[in-house]
C-alpha cells in the first residue's frame, strides 16, 4: 500500500468536518480536533505511514 499523503489526509479531514463526524475512540470531537488540526494531522500522518493503527491522542 502506498503511503498516505498530506493532501489525502487533509481532504479526508475536510469531509469529516463537513459531515460533522462523531468523536473517535479517544473521545475527541471534530470541533476539539479542529482547534489543533495542523499539529494533529501531521502527527497522525506520521503514525499512519509508520503502520501504527492503535488509539491516537493529539
Protein backbone atom coordinates (compact mmCIF):
# COMPACT_ATOMS: atom_id res chain seq x y z
CA UNK A 1 0.00 0.00 0.00
CA UNK A 2 1.33 3.44 -0.93
CA UNK A 3 1.95 5.91 1.89
CA UNK A 4 -0.85 8.33 2.66
CA UNK A 5 -0.08 11.87 1.50
CA UNK A 6 -0.76 15.01 3.49
CA UNK A 7 -3.14 16.14 0.73
CA UNK A 8 -5.19 12.94 1.02
CA UNK A 9 -5.35 13.22 4.79
CA UNK A 10 -6.37 16.88 4.59
CA UNK A 11 -9.15 16.02 2.10
CA UNK A 12 -10.37 13.27 4.43
CA UNK A 13 -10.36 15.74 7.35
CA UNK A 14 -12.40 18.23 5.31
CA UNK A 15 -15.04 15.55 4.58
CA UNK A 16 -15.28 14.57 8.25
CA UNK A 17 -15.54 18.22 9.32
CA UNK A 18 -18.20 18.99 6.72
CA UNK A 19 -20.21 15.94 7.82
CA UNK A 20 -19.78 16.89 11.48
CA UNK A 21 -18.42 13.41 12.21
CA UNK A 22 -18.69 11.90 15.68
CA UNK A 23 -15.98 11.60 18.30
CA UNK A 24 -13.31 8.99 17.76
CA UNK A 25 -12.21 6.16 20.00
CA UNK A 26 -10.29 8.67 22.13
CA UNK A 27 -13.44 10.74 22.72
CA UNK A 28 -12.12 13.82 20.91
CA UNK A 29 -14.87 15.55 18.94
CA UNK A 30 -14.44 17.07 15.49
CA UNK A 31 -14.59 20.55 16.98
CA UNK A 32 -11.98 19.75 19.63
CA UNK A 33 -9.67 18.32 17.00
CA UNK A 34 -10.25 21.35 14.76
CA UNK A 35 -8.50 23.53 17.34
CA UNK A 36 -5.27 21.62 16.78
CA UNK A 37 -5.77 20.27 13.29
CA UNK A 38 -2.40 21.35 11.86
CA UNK A 39 -0.39 19.58 14.56
CA UNK A 40 -2.83 16.69 14.84
CA UNK A 41 -2.88 15.81 11.15
CA UNK A 42 0.91 15.97 10.88
CA UNK A 43 1.31 13.56 13.80
CA UNK A 44 -1.47 11.31 12.51
CA UNK A 45 0.13 11.15 9.06
CA UNK A 46 3.45 10.07 10.58
CA UNK A 47 1.77 7.36 12.63
CA UNK A 48 -0.38 6.00 9.80
CA UNK A 49 2.57 5.84 7.42
CA UNK A 50 4.62 4.06 10.09
CA UNK A 51 1.91 1.40 10.30
CA UNK A 52 0.53 2.30 13.74
CA UNK A 53 -3.19 1.53 13.97
CA UNK A 54 -3.87 1.99 17.67
CA UNK A 55 -5.51 4.79 19.58
CA UNK A 56 -4.31 8.30 18.69
CA UNK A 57 -4.21 11.26 21.04
CA UNK A 58 -3.23 14.58 19.57
